[in-house]
Amino acid sequence: MTKSNTINTGCLLCIWSGVLFLFDFVNKSFAFQRILLRVFVTYHIKASSNYVTRTMKQHSRYAISFLFVEIFGVFIAILNLFLTNAFLGGEFFSFGPAAVKYIQSPAYDFNNPLNEVFPKVGKCTWYKYGPTGTIQVHDAMCVLPLNIVNEKTYICLWVVYITTAVVTSIILIYHTIIL
């Protein structure tokens, strides 16, 4: 055996014993953490169960107020639908299904039902004083580009309002059954 082999073997043994010591230390510290976690979790579970059994039937005011807030949320979701429908002249309820039907129709169908609510072109009339001081009436076709944005916005609002109304109603029914 040469001198370099003994040094390498000694070094390897040193490193190996250090690695084993490190693994042993980590294993013991994790075992200690597991014991602490088990003790604390057990304590908190017992404390929570004692609290629940002691205060059973004492939180009815909280439950009633929670149910009232849920009812109020459903009321607001449905009120949003009806107010937007009134704002758009009674066209909002049919707006979403008409949009879906138009999007699924073939490309050559030019009858866009969304133009009834948000027209892209309209007749504009304005009055201007003429050279002699008389009022002249000017008629023109005006392009309404903001209605394109409004159309897309109200389609998204329709989806959001319907989804909100359905989800809050389901949650209200679920919480009513539980309480």
N, C-alpha and C. Protein backbone atom coordinates (compact mmCIF):
# COMPACT_ATOMS: atom_id res chain seq x y z
N MET A 1 0.84 -1.17 0.00
CA MET A 1 0.00 0.00 0.00
C MET A 1 0.88 1.23 0.00
N THR A 2 0.55 2.12 -0.85
CA THR A 2 1.34 3.34 -0.93
C THR A 2 0.79 4.40 -0.02
N LYS A 3 1.58 5.44 0.13
CA LYS A 3 1.19 6.51 1.03
C LYS A 3 -0.03 7.26 0.52
N SER A 4 -0.15 7.44 -0.77
CA SER A 4 -1.29 8.20 -1.32
C SER A 4 -2.60 7.44 -1.15
N ASN A 5 -2.57 6.11 -1.21
CA ASN A 5 -3.78 5.32 -1.02
C ASN A 5 -4.28 5.43 0.41
N THR A 6 -3.39 5.42 1.39
CA THR A 6 -3.83 5.54 2.78
C THR A 6 -4.41 6.91 3.05
N ILE A 7 -3.88 7.92 2.46
CA ILE A 7 -4.42 9.27 2.68
C ILE A 7 -5.82 9.35 2.08
N ASN A 8 -5.99 8.81 0.88
CA ASN A 8 -7.30 8.84 0.24
C ASN A 8 -8.30 8.02 1.03
N THR A 9 -7.89 6.86 1.50
CA THR A 9 -8.79 6.03 2.28
C THR A 9 -9.14 6.72 3.58
N GLY A 10 -8.18 7.34 4.24
CA GLY A 10 -8.45 8.06 5.48
C GLY A 10 -9.38 9.23 5.24
N CYS A 11 -9.17 9.92 4.15
CA CYS A 11 -10.04 11.06 3.81
C CYS A 11 -11.46 10.57 3.54
N LEU A 12 -11.58 9.48 2.81
CA LEU A 12 -12.91 8.94 2.50
C LEU A 12 -13.62 8.51 3.76
N LEU A 13 -12.88 7.88 4.69
CA LEU A 13 -13.49 7.47 5.95
C LEU A 13 -13.95 8.68 6.75
N CYS A 14 -13.14 9.75 6.72
CA CYS A 14 -13.52 10.99 7.41
C CYS A 14 -14.80 11.57 6.82
N ILE A 15 -14.84 11.65 5.52
CA ILE A 15 -16.02 12.21 4.85
C ILE A 15 -17.24 11.33 5.12
N TRP A 16 -17.05 10.01 5.03
CA TRP A 16 -18.17 9.09 5.24
C TRP A 16 -18.71 9.18 6.67
N SER A 17 -17.83 9.28 7.63
CA SER A 17 -18.31 9.40 9.02
C SER A 17 -19.00 10.74 9.23
N GLY A 18 -18.52 11.78 8.57
CA GLY A 18 -19.19 13.09 8.66
C GLY A 18 -20.58 13.04 8.05
N VAL A 19 -20.71 12.37 6.92
CA VAL A 19 -22.02 12.24 6.27
C VAL A 19 -22.97 11.45 7.15
N LEU A 20 -22.47 10.34 7.74
CA LEU A 20 -23.31 9.55 8.63
C LEU A 20 -23.74 10.35 9.85
N PHE A 21 -22.82 11.13 10.41
CA PHE A 21 -23.16 11.98 11.56
C PHE A 21 -24.23 13.00 11.17
N LEU A 22 -24.07 13.60 10.00
CA LEU A 22 -25.05 14.59 9.54
C LEU A 22 -26.42 13.95 9.34
N PHE A 23 -26.47 12.79 8.70
CA PHE A 23 -27.76 12.10 8.51
C PHE A 23 -28.39 11.72 9.85
N ASP A 24 -27.58 11.27 10.78
CA ASP A 24 -28.09 10.90 12.10
C ASP A 24 -28.65 12.14 12.81
N PHE A 25 -27.95 13.27 12.72
CA PHE A 25 -28.41 14.51 13.35
C PHE A 25 -29.73 14.98 12.72
N VAL A 26 -29.79 14.95 11.39
CA VAL A 26 -31.01 15.39 10.69
C VAL A 26 -32.17 14.47 11.05
N ASN A 27 -31.93 13.17 11.09
CA ASN A 27 -32.98 12.21 11.41
C ASN A 27 -33.51 12.44 12.83
N LYS A 28 -32.59 12.67 13.78
CA LYS A 28 -33.02 12.91 15.16
C LYS A 28 -33.79 14.22 15.28
N SER A 29 -33.34 15.26 14.56
CA SER A 29 -34.04 16.54 14.66
C SER A 29 -35.43 16.44 14.02
N PHE A 30 -35.55 15.70 12.93
CA PHE A 30 -36.88 15.51 12.33
C PHE A 30 -37.78 14.69 13.24
N ALA A 31 -37.20 13.70 13.91
CA ALA A 31 -38.00 12.91 14.85
C ALA A 31 -38.49 13.79 15.99
N PHE A 32 -37.63 14.68 16.48
CA PHE A 32 -38.04 15.60 17.54
C PHE A 32 -39.15 16.53 17.04
N GLN A 33 -39.01 17.02 15.81
CA GLN A 33 -40.05 17.89 15.24
C GLN A 33 -41.37 17.13 15.09
N ARG A 34 -41.30 15.88 14.69
CA ARG A 34 -42.53 15.09 14.56
C ARG A 34 -43.20 14.91 15.91
N ILE A 35 -42.41 14.67 16.95
CA ILE A 35 -42.98 14.52 18.30
C ILE A 35 -43.63 15.82 18.74
N LEU A 36 -42.93 16.95 18.55
CA LEU A 36 -43.50 18.25 18.92
C LEU A 36 -44.78 18.53 18.15
N LEU A 37 -44.77 18.26 16.85
CA LEU A 37 -45.95 18.49 16.03
C LEU A 37 -47.12 17.64 16.51
N ARG A 38 -46.85 16.38 16.82
CA ARG A 38 -47.90 15.50 17.30
C ARG A 38 -48.50 16.02 18.61
N VAL A 39 -47.66 16.49 19.51
CA VAL A 39 -48.12 17.00 20.80
C VAL A 39 -48.96 18.26 20.60
N PHE A 40 -48.46 19.21 19.80
CA PHE A 40 -49.18 20.47 19.61
C PHE A 40 -50.48 20.26 18.85
N VAL A 41 -50.46 19.43 17.82
CA VAL A 41 -51.69 19.17 17.06
C VAL A 41 -52.72 18.49 17.94
N THR A 42 -52.29 17.53 18.72
CA THR A 42 -53.22 16.85 19.63
C THR A 42 -53.82 17.83 20.61
N TYR A 43 -52.99 18.73 21.16
CA TYR A 43 -53.49 19.72 22.10
C TYR A 43 -54.52 20.63 21.44
N HIS A 44 -54.21 21.13 20.24
CA HIS A 44 -55.13 22.05 19.57
C HIS A 44 -56.42 21.36 19.14
N ILE A 45 -56.33 20.11 18.74
CA ILE A 45 -57.55 19.38 18.38
C ILE A 45 -58.43 19.19 19.61
N LYS A 46 -57.81 18.84 20.73
CA LYS A 46 -58.59 18.68 21.97
C LYS A 46 -59.20 20.01 22.40
N ALA A 47 -58.42 21.09 22.32
CA ALA A 47 -58.94 22.41 22.71
C ALA A 47 -60.07 22.84 21.79
N SER A 48 -59.93 22.60 20.50
CA SER A 48 -60.99 22.96 19.56
C SER A 48 -62.25 22.14 19.80
N SER A 49 -62.09 20.86 20.02
CA SER A 49 -63.28 20.03 20.26
C SER A 49 -63.96 20.40 21.57
N ASN A 50 -63.17 20.75 22.60
CA ASN A 50 -63.77 21.22 23.86
C ASN A 50 -64.55 22.51 23.65
N TYR A 51 -63.99 23.44 22.86
CA TYR A 51 -64.68 24.70 22.59
C TYR A 51 -65.99 24.46 21.84
N VAL A 52 -65.94 23.59 20.84
CA VAL A 52 -67.15 23.33 20.05
C VAL A 52 -68.22 22.68 20.91
N THR A 53 -67.86 21.73 21.75
CA THR A 53 -68.87 21.07 22.59
C THR A 53 -69.39 22.00 23.68
N ARG A 54 -68.54 22.89 24.20
CA ARG A 54 -68.99 23.83 25.23
C ARG A 54 -69.93 24.89 24.69
N THR A 55 -69.66 25.38 23.48
CA THR A 55 -70.43 26.50 22.94
C THR A 55 -71.45 26.07 21.90
N MET A 56 -71.84 24.82 21.93
CA MET A 56 -72.86 24.34 20.99
C MET A 56 -74.15 25.10 21.22
N LYS A 57 -74.83 25.47 20.16
CA LYS A 57 -76.12 26.19 20.19
C LYS A 57 -75.99 27.62 20.71
N GLN A 58 -74.79 28.18 20.78
CA GLN A 58 -74.63 29.55 21.26
C GLN A 58 -74.33 30.53 20.13
N HIS A 59 -74.19 30.05 18.92
CA HIS A 59 -73.83 30.93 17.81
C HIS A 59 -74.97 31.08 16.81
N SER A 60 -76.18 31.03 17.28
CA SER A 60 -77.32 31.13 16.37
C SER A 60 -77.43 32.53 15.78
N ARG A 61 -77.04 33.57 16.54
CA ARG A 61 -77.08 34.93 16.00
C ARG A 61 -76.11 35.07 14.83
N TYR A 62 -74.92 34.50 14.98
CA TYR A 62 -73.95 34.51 13.90
C TYR A 62 -74.50 33.77 12.67
N ALA A 63 -75.12 32.64 12.89
CA ALA A 63 -75.66 31.85 11.78
C ALA A 63 -76.78 32.61 11.06
N ILE A 64 -77.65 33.27 11.83
CA ILE A 64 -78.75 34.01 11.22
C ILE A 64 -78.21 35.21 10.44
N SER A 65 -77.23 35.92 11.00
CA SER A 65 -76.67 37.06 10.27
C SER A 65 -75.93 36.60 9.02
N PHE A 66 -75.25 35.45 9.10
CA PHE A 66 -74.57 34.90 7.93
C PHE A 66 -75.58 34.55 6.84
N LEU A 67 -76.69 33.95 7.24
CA LEU A 67 -77.74 33.60 6.28
C LEU A 67 -78.35 34.86 5.67
N PHE A 68 -78.52 35.91 6.48
CA PHE A 68 -79.04 37.18 5.96
C PHE A 68 -78.09 37.76 4.92
N VAL A 69 -76.80 37.70 5.16
CA VAL A 69 -75.82 38.21 4.20
C VAL A 69 -75.87 37.40 2.91
N GLU A 70 -76.04 36.09 3.02
CA GLU A 70 -76.16 35.24 1.83
C GLU A 70 -77.41 35.61 1.02
N ILE A 71 -78.53 35.83 1.71
CA ILE A 71 -79.77 36.23 1.03
C ILE A 71 -79.57 37.58 0.35
N PHE A 72 -78.90 38.49 1.04
CA PHE A 72 -78.64 39.81 0.47
C PHE A 72 -77.75 39.70 -0.77
N GLY A 73 -76.78 38.79 -0.77
CA GLY A 73 -75.93 38.59 -1.94
C GLY A 73 -76.71 38.08 -3.14
N VAL A 74 -77.63 37.14 -2.91
CA VAL A 74 -78.48 36.65 -4.00
C VAL A 74 -79.38 37.77 -4.51
N PHE A 75 -79.92 38.56 -3.58
CA PHE A 75 -80.78 39.68 -3.96
C PHE A 75 -80.02 40.68 -4.84
N ILE A 76 -78.79 41.00 -4.48
CA ILE A 76 -77.99 41.95 -5.27
C ILE A 76 -77.67 41.37 -6.64
N ALA A 77 -77.34 40.09 -6.71
CA ALA A 77 -77.02 39.47 -8.00
C ALA A 77 -78.23 39.52 -8.94
N ILE A 78 -79.41 39.22 -8.41
CA ILE A 78 -80.61 39.24 -9.24
C ILE A 78 -81.01 40.68 -9.57
N LEU A 79 -80.82 41.60 -8.61
CA LEU A 79 -81.12 43.01 -8.85
C LEU A 79 -80.24 43.58 -9.96
N ASN A 80 -78.97 43.17 -10.01
CA ASN A 80 -78.07 43.60 -11.09
C ASN A 80 -78.63 43.19 -12.45
N LEU A 81 -79.13 41.97 -12.53
CA LEU A 81 -79.72 41.50 -13.79
C LEU A 81 -80.90 42.38 -14.21
N PHE A 82 -81.81 42.63 -13.28
CA PHE A 82 -83.01 43.39 -13.63
C PHE A 82 -82.71 44.86 -13.91
N LEU A 83 -81.79 45.46 -13.17
CA LEU A 83 -81.45 46.87 -13.43
C LEU A 83 -80.76 47.04 -14.78
N THR A 84 -79.87 46.13 -15.12
CA THR A 84 -79.21 46.20 -16.42
C THR A 84 -80.22 45.94 -17.54
N ASN A 85 -81.16 45.04 -17.31
CA ASN A 85 -82.21 44.79 -18.29
C ASN A 85 -83.05 46.05 -18.50
N ALA A 86 -83.39 46.75 -17.42
CA ALA A 86 -84.16 47.99 -17.55
C ALA A 86 -83.34 49.06 -18.25
N PHE A 87 -82.05 49.13 -17.98
CA PHE A 87 -81.17 50.12 -18.61
C PHE A 87 -81.07 49.90 -20.12
N LEU A 88 -81.08 48.66 -20.55
CA LEU A 88 -80.96 48.35 -21.98
C LEU A 88 -82.32 48.19 -22.65
N GLY A 89 -83.36 48.66 -22.02
CA GLY A 89 -84.69 48.63 -22.65
C GLY A 89 -85.30 47.24 -22.73
N GLY A 90 -85.02 46.39 -21.78
CA GLY A 90 -85.60 45.05 -21.76
C GLY A 90 -84.93 44.07 -22.69
N GLU A 91 -83.75 44.39 -23.18
CA GLU A 91 -83.05 43.52 -24.13
C GLU A 91 -81.93 42.70 -23.49
N PHE A 92 -81.64 42.90 -22.22
CA PHE A 92 -80.47 42.26 -21.62
C PHE A 92 -80.67 40.76 -21.40
N PHE A 93 -81.87 40.34 -21.04
CA PHE A 93 -82.11 38.91 -20.79
C PHE A 93 -81.94 38.08 -22.07
N SER A 94 -82.33 38.64 -23.20
CA SER A 94 -82.19 37.91 -24.47
C SER A 94 -80.85 38.20 -25.14
N PHE A 95 -80.07 39.11 -24.58
CA PHE A 95 -78.82 39.53 -25.20
C PHE A 95 -77.79 38.40 -25.22
N GLY A 96 -77.62 37.70 -24.11
CA GLY A 96 -76.64 36.61 -24.04
C GLY A 96 -76.95 35.46 -24.97
N PRO A 97 -78.19 34.91 -24.92
CA PRO A 97 -78.51 33.83 -25.85
C PRO A 97 -78.42 34.25 -27.32
N ALA A 98 -78.81 35.51 -27.61
CA ALA A 98 -78.70 35.99 -29.00
C ALA A 98 -77.24 36.08 -29.42
N ALA A 99 -76.36 36.50 -28.52
CA ALA A 99 -74.94 36.58 -28.84
C ALA A 99 -74.36 35.20 -29.09
N VAL A 100 -74.72 34.23 -28.26
CA VAL A 100 -74.21 32.86 -28.44
C VAL A 100 -74.72 32.28 -29.75
N LYS A 101 -75.99 32.52 -30.06
CA LYS A 101 -76.57 32.01 -31.31
C LYS A 101 -75.90 32.64 -32.52
N TYR A 102 -75.62 33.95 -32.44
CA TYR A 102 -74.97 34.64 -33.56
C TYR A 102 -73.53 34.16 -33.74
N ILE A 103 -72.82 33.94 -32.65
CA ILE A 103 -71.43 33.49 -32.74
C ILE A 103 -71.35 32.09 -33.35
N GLN A 104 -72.34 31.23 -33.06
CA GLN A 104 -72.34 29.87 -33.58
C GLN A 104 -72.91 29.77 -34.99
N SER A 105 -73.49 30.86 -35.51
CA SER A 105 -74.08 30.82 -36.85
C SER A 105 -72.99 30.87 -37.91
N PRO A 106 -73.33 30.49 -39.15
CA PRO A 106 -72.33 30.53 -40.23
C PRO A 106 -71.86 31.96 -40.49
N ALA A 107 -70.69 32.08 -41.12
CA ALA A 107 -70.07 33.39 -41.34
C ALA A 107 -70.85 34.26 -42.31
N TYR A 108 -71.65 33.67 -43.18
CA TYR A 108 -72.38 34.46 -44.17
C TYR A 108 -73.68 35.04 -43.63
N ASP A 109 -74.03 34.76 -42.39
CA ASP A 109 -75.25 35.30 -41.79
C ASP A 109 -74.97 36.73 -41.31
N PHE A 110 -75.52 37.72 -42.03
CA PHE A 110 -75.25 39.12 -41.72
C PHE A 110 -76.28 39.73 -40.79
N ASN A 111 -77.28 38.97 -40.37
CA ASN A 111 -78.30 39.49 -39.48
C ASN A 111 -77.79 39.39 -38.04
N ASN A 112 -77.13 40.45 -37.59
CA ASN A 112 -76.55 40.47 -36.25
C ASN A 112 -77.58 40.99 -35.26
N PRO A 113 -78.10 40.13 -34.37
CA PRO A 113 -79.10 40.60 -33.41
C PRO A 113 -78.52 41.56 -32.37
N LEU A 114 -77.22 41.59 -32.24
CA LEU A 114 -76.59 42.49 -31.28
C LEU A 114 -76.64 43.94 -31.75
N ASN A 115 -76.83 44.13 -33.07
CA ASN A 115 -76.94 45.49 -33.59
C ASN A 115 -78.24 46.17 -33.16
N GLU A 116 -79.22 45.38 -32.73
CA GLU A 116 -80.46 45.99 -32.25
C GLU A 116 -80.23 46.73 -30.94
N VAL A 117 -79.36 46.20 -30.11
CA VAL A 117 -79.09 46.84 -28.82
C VAL A 117 -77.97 47.88 -28.97
N PHE A 118 -76.92 47.53 -29.68
CA PHE A 118 -75.78 48.42 -29.87
C PHE A 118 -75.50 48.60 -31.36
N PRO A 119 -76.19 49.54 -32.02
CA PRO A 119 -75.95 49.75 -33.45
C PRO A 119 -74.56 50.34 -33.69
N LYS A 120 -73.96 49.96 -34.81
CA LYS A 120 -72.62 50.45 -35.14
C LYS A 120 -72.68 51.73 -35.98
N VAL A 121 -73.82 51.94 -36.65
CA VAL A 121 -73.99 53.11 -37.50
C VAL A 121 -75.35 53.72 -37.18
N GLY A 122 -75.41 55.04 -37.14
CA GLY A 122 -76.67 55.71 -36.85
C GLY A 122 -76.80 57.00 -37.65
N LYS A 123 -78.02 57.52 -37.69
CA LYS A 123 -78.28 58.78 -38.40
C LYS A 123 -78.01 59.93 -37.44
N CYS A 124 -77.22 60.89 -37.91
CA CYS A 124 -76.91 62.06 -37.09
C CYS A 124 -77.51 63.29 -37.75
N THR A 125 -78.11 64.11 -36.95
CA THR A 125 -78.65 65.38 -37.43
C THR A 125 -78.05 66.49 -36.58
N TRP A 126 -77.47 67.48 -37.24
CA TRP A 126 -76.99 68.63 -36.49
C TRP A 126 -77.37 69.90 -37.22
N TYR A 127 -77.39 70.95 -36.45
CA TYR A 127 -77.85 72.24 -36.96
C TYR A 127 -76.68 73.20 -36.98
N LYS A 128 -76.61 73.97 -38.09
CA LYS A 128 -75.50 74.90 -38.26
C LYS A 128 -76.06 76.19 -38.84
N TYR A 129 -75.50 77.30 -38.40
CA TYR A 129 -75.92 78.58 -38.96
C TYR A 129 -75.30 78.75 -40.34
N GLY A 130 -76.13 79.11 -41.29
CA GLY A 130 -75.68 79.31 -42.65
C GLY A 130 -75.08 80.71 -42.84
N PRO A 131 -74.71 81.05 -44.08
CA PRO A 131 -74.07 82.35 -44.36
C PRO A 131 -75.02 83.53 -44.12
N THR A 132 -76.31 83.30 -44.22
CA THR A 132 -77.26 84.40 -44.03
C THR A 132 -77.82 84.43 -42.62
N GLY A 133 -77.39 83.50 -41.77
CA GLY A 133 -77.87 83.48 -40.39
C GLY A 133 -79.02 82.53 -40.15
N THR A 134 -79.49 81.87 -41.20
CA THR A 134 -80.56 80.90 -41.00
C THR A 134 -79.96 79.56 -40.57
N ILE A 135 -80.77 78.77 -39.90
CA ILE A 135 -80.31 77.47 -39.42
C ILE A 135 -80.42 76.46 -40.56
N GLN A 136 -79.33 75.77 -40.82
CA GLN A 136 -79.31 74.73 -41.84
C GLN A 136 -79.25 73.37 -41.14
N VAL A 137 -80.02 72.43 -41.65
CA VAL A 137 -80.06 71.08 -41.09
C VAL A 137 -79.14 70.19 -41.91
N HIS A 138 -78.24 69.49 -41.23
CA HIS A 138 -77.33 68.56 -41.90
C HIS A 138 -77.61 67.15 -41.38
N ASP A 139 -77.80 66.23 -42.31
CA ASP A 139 -77.99 64.82 -41.98
C ASP A 139 -76.77 64.03 -42.46
N ALA A 140 -76.37 63.05 -41.67
CA ALA A 140 -75.23 62.22 -42.06
C ALA A 140 -75.34 60.87 -41.38
N MET A 141 -74.55 59.93 -41.86
CA MET A 141 -74.43 58.63 -41.21
C MET A 141 -73.21 58.70 -40.29
N CYS A 142 -73.44 58.43 -39.02
CA CYS A 142 -72.36 58.50 -38.03
C CYS A 142 -71.95 57.08 -37.63
N VAL A 143 -70.66 56.86 -37.55
CA VAL A 143 -70.14 55.58 -37.08
C VAL A 143 -69.99 55.68 -35.57
N LEU A 144 -70.47 54.64 -34.88
CA LEU A 144 -70.43 54.61 -33.42
C LEU A 144 -69.46 53.51 -32.96
N PRO A 145 -68.17 53.78 -32.97
CA PRO A 145 -67.19 52.72 -32.66
C PRO A 145 -67.23 52.26 -31.21
N LEU A 146 -67.69 53.10 -30.31
CA LEU A 146 -67.73 52.70 -28.90
C LEU A 146 -68.76 51.60 -28.66
N ASN A 147 -69.76 51.50 -29.54
CA ASN A 147 -70.76 50.45 -29.36
C ASN A 147 -70.18 49.06 -29.59
N ILE A 148 -69.10 48.96 -30.34
CA ILE A 148 -68.42 47.67 -30.49
C ILE A 148 -67.85 47.23 -29.14
N VAL A 149 -67.24 48.17 -28.44
CA VAL A 149 -66.70 47.88 -27.11
C VAL A 149 -67.84 47.59 -26.14
N ASN A 150 -68.92 48.39 -26.20
CA ASN A 150 -70.06 48.18 -25.31
C ASN A 150 -70.68 46.80 -25.51
N GLU A 151 -70.77 46.38 -26.76
CA GLU A 151 -71.34 45.06 -27.06
C GLU A 151 -70.55 43.95 -26.37
N LYS A 152 -69.23 44.01 -26.51
CA LYS A 152 -68.39 42.97 -25.88
C LYS A 152 -68.45 43.07 -24.36
N THR A 153 -68.49 44.29 -23.84
CA THR A 153 -68.56 44.48 -22.39
C THR A 153 -69.84 43.90 -21.82
N TYR A 154 -70.96 44.15 -22.49
CA TYR A 154 -72.23 43.66 -21.97
C TYR A 154 -72.39 42.15 -22.15
N ILE A 155 -71.71 41.57 -23.13
CA ILE A 155 -71.70 40.10 -23.23
C ILE A 155 -70.98 39.52 -22.01
N CYS A 156 -69.83 40.11 -21.66
CA CYS A 156 -69.10 39.66 -20.47
C CYS A 156 -69.92 39.89 -19.21
N LEU A 157 -70.59 41.04 -19.11
CA LEU A 157 -71.44 41.32 -17.95
C LEU A 157 -72.58 40.31 -17.85
N TRP A 158 -73.14 39.94 -18.98
CA TRP A 158 -74.23 38.96 -18.97
C TRP A 158 -73.74 37.63 -18.38
N VAL A 159 -72.57 37.19 -18.84
CA VAL A 159 -72.01 35.93 -18.33
C VAL A 159 -71.70 36.04 -16.84
N VAL A 160 -71.10 37.15 -16.42
CA VAL A 160 -70.75 37.34 -15.01
C VAL A 160 -72.00 37.40 -14.15
N TYR A 161 -73.02 38.15 -14.57
CA TYR A 161 -74.24 38.29 -13.77
C TYR A 161 -74.98 36.96 -13.64
N ILE A 162 -75.10 36.24 -14.74
CA ILE A 162 -75.80 34.95 -14.69
C ILE A 162 -75.02 33.97 -13.80
N THR A 163 -73.71 33.90 -13.99
CA THR A 163 -72.89 33.00 -13.17
C THR A 163 -72.97 33.37 -11.69
N THR A 164 -72.89 34.65 -11.39
CA THR A 164 -72.97 35.10 -9.99
C THR A 164 -74.32 34.76 -9.39
N ALA A 165 -75.40 35.00 -10.13
CA ALA A 165 -76.73 34.70 -9.60
C ALA A 165 -76.90 33.20 -9.36
N VAL A 166 -76.43 32.38 -10.28
CA VAL A 166 -76.58 30.93 -10.12
C VAL A 166 -75.73 30.42 -8.96
N VAL A 167 -74.46 30.83 -8.91
CA VAL A 167 -73.56 30.33 -7.86
C VAL A 167 -74.02 30.80 -6.48
N THR A 168 -74.39 32.07 -6.34
CA THR A 168 -74.83 32.54 -5.02
C THR A 168 -76.14 31.88 -4.61
N SER A 169 -77.01 31.58 -5.57
CA SER A 169 -78.25 30.88 -5.23
C SER A 169 -77.97 29.46 -4.75
N ILE A 170 -77.05 28.78 -5.43
CA ILE A 170 -76.69 27.42 -5.02
C ILE A 170 -76.05 27.43 -3.63
N ILE A 171 -75.17 28.40 -3.38
CA ILE A 171 -74.53 28.50 -2.07
C ILE A 171 -75.57 28.81 -0.99
N LEU A 172 -76.54 29.68 -1.30
CA LEU A 172 -77.59 29.99 -0.33
C LEU A 172 -78.42 28.76 -0.01
N ILE A 173 -78.79 28.00 -1.03
CA ILE A 173 -79.56 26.77 -0.79
C ILE A 173 -78.74 25.79 0.04
N TYR A 174 -77.47 25.64 -0.27
CA TYR A 174 -76.59 24.73 0.48
C TYR A 174 -76.48 25.16 1.94
N HIS A 175 -76.25 26.45 2.17
CA HIS A 175 -76.12 26.92 3.56
C HIS A 175 -77.44 26.87 4.31
N THR A 176 -78.56 27.05 3.61
CA THR A 176 -79.86 26.94 4.26
C THR A 176 -80.11 25.50 4.71
N ILE A 177 -79.71 24.55 3.88
CA ILE A 177 -79.90 23.14 4.24
C ILE A 177 -79.00 22.77 5.42
N ILE A 178 -77.77 23.26 5.42
CA ILE A 178 -76.83 22.94 6.50
C ILE A 178 -77.29 23.55 7.82
N LEU A 179 -77.72 24.82 7.78
CA LEU A 179 -78.11 25.48 9.03
C LEU A 179 -79.45 24.97 9.45
